[in-house]
């Protein structure tokens, strides 16, 4: 999800997360999963406020070449 910088802080992220949850329930989904960069504090806070919890189920690996 991307909210344009001009529109951040106006509740659009919270509204979007609420709609996603509502639609997922309609589709009988049991779980939502997302990925977010750890340094994106604003997004991390939004997701925490929306009830998401951090997991360590994904391993990200890289190699310099």
PDB file of N, CA and C in Angstrom:
ATOM      1  N   UNK A   1       0.858  -1.155   0.000  1.00  0.00           N
ATOM      2  CA  UNK A   1       0.000   0.000   0.000  1.00  0.00           C
ATOM      3  C   UNK A   1       0.907   1.222   0.000  1.00  0.00           C
ATOM      4  N   UNK A   2       0.565   2.191  -0.792  1.00  0.00           N
ATOM      5  CA  UNK A   2       1.312   3.447  -0.829  1.00  0.00           C
ATOM      6  C   UNK A   2       0.318   4.596  -0.710  1.00  0.00           C
ATOM      7  N   UNK A   3       0.568   5.465   0.245  1.00  0.00           N
ATOM      8  CA  UNK A   3      -0.219   6.686   0.377  1.00  0.00           C
ATOM      9  C   UNK A   3       0.701   7.839  -0.002  1.00  0.00           C
ATOM     10  N   UNK A   4       0.301   8.613  -0.987  1.00  0.00           N
ATOM     11  CA  UNK A   4       1.096   9.752  -1.439  1.00  0.00           C
ATOM     12  C   UNK A   4       1.449  10.642  -0.257  1.00  0.00           C
ATOM     13  N   UNK A   5       2.668  11.155  -0.281  1.00  0.00           N
ATOM     14  CA  UNK A   5       3.154  12.012   0.818  1.00  0.00           C
ATOM     15  C   UNK A   5       2.206  13.166   1.131  1.00  0.00           C
ATOM     16  N   UNK A   6       1.591  13.725   0.112  1.00  0.00           N
ATOM     17  CA  UNK A   6       0.683  14.848   0.328  1.00  0.00           C
ATOM     18  C   UNK A   6      -0.552  14.455   1.125  1.00  0.00           C
ATOM     19  N   UNK A   7      -0.874  13.160   1.129  1.00  0.00           N
ATOM     20  CA  UNK A   7      -2.100  12.695   1.779  1.00  0.00           C
ATOM     21  C   UNK A   7      -1.845  11.857   3.032  1.00  0.00           C
ATOM     22  N   UNK A   8      -0.584  11.704   3.408  1.00  0.00           N
ATOM     23  CA  UNK A   8      -0.267  10.948   4.616  1.00  0.00           C
ATOM     24  C   UNK A   8      -0.698  11.726   5.853  1.00  0.00           C
ATOM     25  N   UNK A   9      -1.027  10.988   6.891  1.00  0.00           N
ATOM     26  CA  UNK A   9      -1.439  11.608   8.143  1.00  0.00           C
ATOM     27  C   UNK A   9      -2.893  12.060   8.158  1.00  0.00           C
ATOM     28  N   UNK A  10      -3.654  11.665   7.162  1.00  0.00           N
ATOM     29  CA  UNK A  10      -5.063  12.075   7.068  1.00  0.00           C
ATOM     30  C   UNK A  10      -6.024  10.918   7.313  1.00  0.00           C
ATOM     31  N   UNK A  11      -5.481   9.758   7.735  1.00  0.00           N
ATOM     32  CA  UNK A  11      -6.336   8.618   8.052  1.00  0.00           C
ATOM     33  C   UNK A  11      -6.603   7.665   6.903  1.00  0.00           C
ATOM     34  N   UNK A  12      -6.045   7.930   5.729  1.00  0.00           N
ATOM     35  CA  UNK A  12      -6.303   7.052   4.584  1.00  0.00           C
ATOM     36  C   UNK A  12      -5.724   5.659   4.796  1.00  0.00           C
ATOM     37  N   UNK A  13      -4.570   5.567   5.434  1.00  0.00           N
ATOM     38  CA  UNK A  13      -3.963   4.270   5.713  1.00  0.00           C
ATOM     39  C   UNK A  13      -4.831   3.445   6.644  1.00  0.00           C
ATOM     40  N   UNK A  14      -5.337   4.070   7.698  1.00  0.00           N
ATOM     41  CA  UNK A  14      -6.210   3.369   8.644  1.00  0.00           C
ATOM     42  C   UNK A  14      -7.494   2.924   7.963  1.00  0.00           C
ATOM     43  N   UNK A  15      -8.059   3.792   7.133  1.00  0.00           N
ATOM     44  CA  UNK A  15      -9.283   3.439   6.413  1.00  0.00           C
ATOM     45  C   UNK A  15      -9.032   2.262   5.472  1.00  0.00           C
ATOM     46  N   UNK A  16      -7.905   2.299   4.787  1.00  0.00           N
ATOM     47  CA  UNK A  16      -7.569   1.230   3.854  1.00  0.00           C
ATOM     48  C   UNK A  16      -7.388  -0.091   4.584  1.00  0.00           C
ATOM     49  N   UNK A  17      -6.669  -0.071   5.712  1.00  0.00           N
ATOM     50  CA  UNK A  17      -6.466  -1.294   6.486  1.00  0.00           C
ATOM     51  C   UNK A  17      -7.803  -1.843   6.985  1.00  0.00           C
ATOM     52  N   UNK A  18      -8.695  -0.977   7.388  1.00  0.00           N
ATOM     53  CA  UNK A  18     -10.018  -1.394   7.856  1.00  0.00           C
ATOM     54  C   UNK A  18     -10.809  -2.060   6.729  1.00  0.00           C
ATOM     55  N   UNK A  19     -10.769  -1.476   5.540  1.00  0.00           N
ATOM     56  CA  UNK A  19     -11.467  -2.053   4.392  1.00  0.00           C
ATOM     57  C   UNK A  19     -10.872  -3.405   3.994  1.00  0.00           C
ATOM     58  N   UNK A  20      -9.558  -3.505   4.037  1.00  0.00           N
ATOM     59  CA  UNK A  20      -8.900  -4.772   3.697  1.00  0.00           C
ATOM     60  C   UNK A  20      -9.346  -5.858   4.668  1.00  0.00           C
ATOM     61  N   UNK A  21      -9.367  -5.545   5.954  1.00  0.00           N
ATOM     62  CA  UNK A  21      -9.780  -6.520   6.964  1.00  0.00           C
ATOM     63  C   UNK A  21     -11.233  -6.946   6.744  1.00  0.00           C
ATOM     64  N   UNK A  22     -12.092  -5.983   6.463  1.00  0.00           N
ATOM     65  CA  UNK A  22     -13.509  -6.263   6.241  1.00  0.00           C
ATOM     66  C   UNK A  22     -13.699  -7.186   5.025  1.00  0.00           C
ATOM     67  N   UNK A  23     -13.007  -6.886   3.933  1.00  0.00           N
ATOM     68  CA  UNK A  23     -13.129  -7.700   2.723  1.00  0.00           C
ATOM     69  C   UNK A  23     -12.542  -9.095   2.938  1.00  0.00           C
ATOM     70  N   UNK A  24     -11.448  -9.181   3.673  1.00  0.00           N
ATOM     71  CA  UNK A  24     -10.838 -10.481   3.955  1.00  0.00           C
ATOM     72  C   UNK A  24     -11.800 -11.364   4.752  1.00  0.00           C
ATOM     73  N   UNK A  25     -12.491 -10.765   5.715  1.00  0.00           N
ATOM     74  CA  UNK A  25     -13.475 -11.526   6.494  1.00  0.00           C
ATOM     75  C   UNK A  25     -14.617 -12.014   5.607  1.00  0.00           C
ATOM     76  N   UNK A  26     -15.070 -11.163   4.674  1.00  0.00           N
ATOM     77  CA  UNK A  26     -16.126 -11.576   3.744  1.00  0.00           C
ATOM     78  C   UNK A  26     -15.700 -12.783   2.920  1.00  0.00           C
ATOM     79  N   UNK A  27     -14.400 -12.857   2.624  1.00  0.00           N
ATOM     80  CA  UNK A  27     -13.859 -13.950   1.821  1.00  0.00           C
ATOM     81  C   UNK A  27     -13.428 -15.135   2.680  1.00  0.00           C
ATOM     82  N   UNK A  28     -13.771 -15.091   3.963  1.00  0.00           N
ATOM     83  CA  UNK A  28     -13.451 -16.154   4.921  1.00  0.00           C
ATOM     84  C   UNK A  28     -11.947 -16.378   5.088  1.00  0.00           C
ATOM     85  N   UNK A  29     -11.167 -15.346   4.870  1.00  0.00           N
ATOM     86  CA  UNK A  29      -9.727 -15.457   5.097  1.00  0.00           C
ATOM     87  C   UNK A  29      -9.479 -15.509   6.599  1.00  0.00           C
ATOM     88  N   UNK A  30      -8.484 -16.267   6.982  1.00  0.00           N
ATOM     89  CA  UNK A  30      -8.161 -16.427   8.395  1.00  0.00           C
ATOM     90  C   UNK A  30      -6.961 -15.595   8.822  1.00  0.00           C
ATOM     91  N   UNK A  31      -6.178 -15.118   7.855  1.00  0.00           N
ATOM     92  CA  UNK A  31      -4.941 -14.421   8.192  1.00  0.00           C
ATOM     93  C   UNK A  31      -4.575 -13.431   7.090  1.00  0.00           C
ATOM     94  N   UNK A  32      -4.023 -12.309   7.478  1.00  0.00           N
ATOM     95  CA  UNK A  32      -3.448 -11.350   6.542  1.00  0.00           C
ATOM     96  C   UNK A  32      -1.951 -11.300   6.811  1.00  0.00           C
ATOM     97  N   UNK A  33      -1.173 -11.164   5.769  1.00  0.00           N
ATOM     98  CA  UNK A  33       0.278 -11.074   5.910  1.00  0.00           C
ATOM     99  C   UNK A  33       0.773  -9.923   5.047  1.00  0.00           C
ATOM    100  N   UNK A  34       1.758  -9.215   5.556  1.00  0.00           N
ATOM    101  CA  UNK A  34       2.336  -8.124   4.777  1.00  0.00           C
ATOM    102  C   UNK A  34       3.821  -8.048   5.032  1.00  0.00           C
ATOM    103  N   UNK A  35       4.500  -7.322   4.177  1.00  0.00           N
ATOM    104  CA  UNK A  35       5.928  -7.061   4.323  1.00  0.00           C
ATOM    105  C   UNK A  35       6.117  -5.561   4.368  1.00  0.00           C
ATOM    106  N   UNK A  36       7.023  -5.128   5.230  1.00  0.00           N
ATOM    107  CA  UNK A  36       7.304  -3.700   5.354  1.00  0.00           C
ATOM    108  C   UNK A  36       8.771  -3.531   5.721  1.00  0.00           C
ATOM    109  N   UNK A  37       9.407  -2.505   5.180  1.00  0.00           N
ATOM    110  CA  UNK A  37      10.785  -2.215   5.556  1.00  0.00           C
ATOM    111  C   UNK A  37      10.823  -1.741   7.000  1.00  0.00           C
ATOM    112  N   UNK A  38      11.756  -2.269   7.798  1.00  0.00           N
ATOM    113  CA  UNK A  38      11.798  -1.943   9.220  1.00  0.00           C
ATOM    114  C   UNK A  38      12.064  -0.460   9.471  1.00  0.00           C
ATOM    115  N   UNK A  39      12.708   0.211   8.535  1.00  0.00           N
ATOM    116  CA  UNK A  39      12.989   1.635   8.734  1.00  0.00           C
ATOM    117  C   UNK A  39      11.821   2.532   8.326  1.00  0.00           C
ATOM    118  N   UNK A  40      10.737   1.942   7.843  1.00  0.00           N
ATOM    119  CA  UNK A  40       9.534   2.706   7.498  1.00  0.00           C
ATOM    120  C   UNK A  40       8.663   2.779   8.752  1.00  0.00           C
ATOM    121  N   UNK A  41       9.085   3.591   9.693  1.00  0.00           N
ATOM    122  CA  UNK A  41       8.456   3.669  11.017  1.00  0.00           C
ATOM    123  C   UNK A  41       6.974   4.016  10.952  1.00  0.00           C
ATOM    124  N   UNK A  42       6.627   4.896  10.056  1.00  0.00           N
ATOM    125  CA  UNK A  42       5.224   5.312   9.946  1.00  0.00           C
ATOM    126  C   UNK A  42       4.333   4.132   9.564  1.00  0.00           C
ATOM    127  N   UNK A  43       4.785   3.359   8.587  1.00  0.00           N
ATOM    128  CA  UNK A  43       4.011   2.194   8.154  1.00  0.00           C
ATOM    129  C   UNK A  43       3.997   1.123   9.236  1.00  0.00           C
ATOM    130  N   UNK A  44       5.153   0.877   9.860  1.00  0.00           N
ATOM    131  CA  UNK A  44       5.222  -0.120  10.925  1.00  0.00           C
ATOM    132  C   UNK A  44       4.235   0.238  12.025  1.00  0.00           C
ATOM    133  N   UNK A  45       4.192   1.495  12.416  1.00  0.00           N
ATOM    134  CA  UNK A  45       3.258   1.931  13.464  1.00  0.00           C
ATOM    135  C   UNK A  45       1.801   1.745  13.039  1.00  0.00           C
ATOM    136  N   UNK A  46       1.498   2.048  11.794  1.00  0.00           N
ATOM    137  CA  UNK A  46       0.140   1.846  11.283  1.00  0.00           C
ATOM    138  C   UNK A  46      -0.254   0.379  11.396  1.00  0.00           C
ATOM    139  N   UNK A  47       0.631  -0.508  10.976  1.00  0.00           N
ATOM    140  CA  UNK A  47       0.321  -1.934  10.994  1.00  0.00           C
ATOM    141  C   UNK A  47       0.193  -2.455  12.423  1.00  0.00           C
ATOM    142  N   UNK A  48       1.026  -1.981  13.328  1.00  0.00           N
ATOM    143  CA  UNK A  48       0.909  -2.371  14.736  1.00  0.00           C
ATOM    144  C   UNK A  48      -0.433  -1.902  15.288  1.00  0.00           C
ATOM    145  N   UNK A  49      -0.815  -0.667  14.990  1.00  0.00           N
ATOM    146  CA  UNK A  49      -2.105  -0.138  15.444  1.00  0.00           C
ATOM    147  C   UNK A  49      -3.265  -0.925  14.841  1.00  0.00           C
ATOM    148  N   UNK A  50      -3.035  -1.527  13.678  1.00  0.00           N
ATOM    149  CA  UNK A  50      -4.073  -2.315  13.004  1.00  0.00           C
ATOM    150  C   UNK A  50      -4.109  -3.760  13.505  1.00  0.00           C
ATOM    151  N   UNK A  51      -3.232  -4.089  14.460  1.00  0.00           N
ATOM    152  CA  UNK A  51      -3.264  -5.413  15.065  1.00  0.00           C
ATOM    153  C   UNK A  51      -2.238  -6.405  14.540  1.00  0.00           C
ATOM    154  N   UNK A  52      -1.398  -5.983  13.612  1.00  0.00           N
ATOM    155  CA  UNK A  52      -0.367  -6.881  13.100  1.00  0.00           C
ATOM    156  C   UNK A  52       0.755  -7.019  14.122  1.00  0.00           C
ATOM    157  N   UNK A  53       1.398  -8.185  14.103  1.00  0.00           N
ATOM    158  CA  UNK A  53       2.535  -8.445  14.977  1.00  0.00           C
ATOM    159  C   UNK A  53       3.708  -8.899  14.118  1.00  0.00           C
ATOM    160  N   UNK A  54       4.900  -8.482  14.496  1.00  0.00           N
ATOM    161  CA  UNK A  54       6.097  -8.875  13.759  1.00  0.00           C
ATOM    162  C   UNK A  54       6.364 -10.363  13.957  1.00  0.00           C
ATOM    163  N   UNK A  55       6.777 -11.022  12.893  1.00  0.00           N
ATOM    164  CA  UNK A  55       7.184 -12.420  12.964  1.00  0.00           C
ATOM    165  C   UNK A  55       8.588 -12.536  12.386  1.00  0.00           C
ATOM    166  N   UNK A  56       9.189 -13.647  12.602  1.00  0.00           N
ATOM    167  CA  UNK A  56      10.519 -13.894  12.033  1.00  0.00           C
ATOM    168  C   UNK A  56      10.463 -15.083  11.091  1.00  0.00           C
ATOM    169  N   UNK A  57       9.342 -15.244  10.403  1.00  0.00           N
ATOM    170  CA  UNK A  57       9.155 -16.392   9.522  1.00  0.00           C
ATOM    171  C   UNK A  57       9.770 -16.199   8.145  1.00  0.00           C
ATOM    172  N   UNK A  58      10.254 -15.007   7.848  1.00  0.00           N
ATOM    173  CA  UNK A  58      10.849 -14.742   6.546  1.00  0.00           C
ATOM    174  C   UNK A  58      12.318 -14.417   6.737  1.00  0.00           C
ATOM    175  N   UNK A  59      13.133 -15.083   5.975  1.00  0.00           N
ATOM    176  CA  UNK A  59      14.575 -14.831   5.999  1.00  0.00           C
ATOM    177  C   UNK A  59      14.938 -14.097   4.721  1.00  0.00           C
ATOM    178  N   UNK A  60      15.491 -12.921   4.865  1.00  0.00           N
ATOM    179  CA  UNK A  60      15.922 -12.142   3.705  1.00  0.00           C
ATOM    180  C   UNK A  60      17.434 -12.238   3.643  1.00  0.00           C
ATOM    181  N   UNK A  61      17.916 -12.634   2.492  1.00  0.00           N
ATOM    182  CA  UNK A  61      19.355 -12.833   2.319  1.00  0.00           C
ATOM    183  C   UNK A  61      19.852 -11.979   1.171  1.00  0.00           C
ATOM    184  N   UNK A  62      21.086 -11.552   1.257  1.00  0.00           N
ATOM    185  CA  UNK A  62      21.687 -10.811   0.147  1.00  0.00           C
ATOM    186  C   UNK A  62      23.167 -11.114   0.092  1.00  0.00           C
ATOM    187  N   UNK A  63      23.764 -10.810  -1.044  1.00  0.00           N
ATOM    188  CA  UNK A  63      25.197 -11.024  -1.252  1.00  0.00           C
ATOM    189  C   UNK A  63      25.710  -9.897  -2.125  1.00  0.00           C
ATOM    190  N   UNK A  64      26.780  -9.265  -1.688  1.00  0.00           N
ATOM    191  CA  UNK A  64      27.399  -8.236  -2.519  1.00  0.00           C
ATOM    192  C   UNK A  64      28.163  -8.911  -3.636  1.00  0.00           C
ATOM    193  N   UNK A  65      28.060  -8.314  -4.824  1.00  0.00           N
ATOM    194  CA  UNK A  65      28.782  -8.873  -5.976  1.00  0.00           C
ATOM    195  C   UNK A  65      29.656  -7.816  -6.614  1.00  0.00           C
TER     196      UNK A  65
END
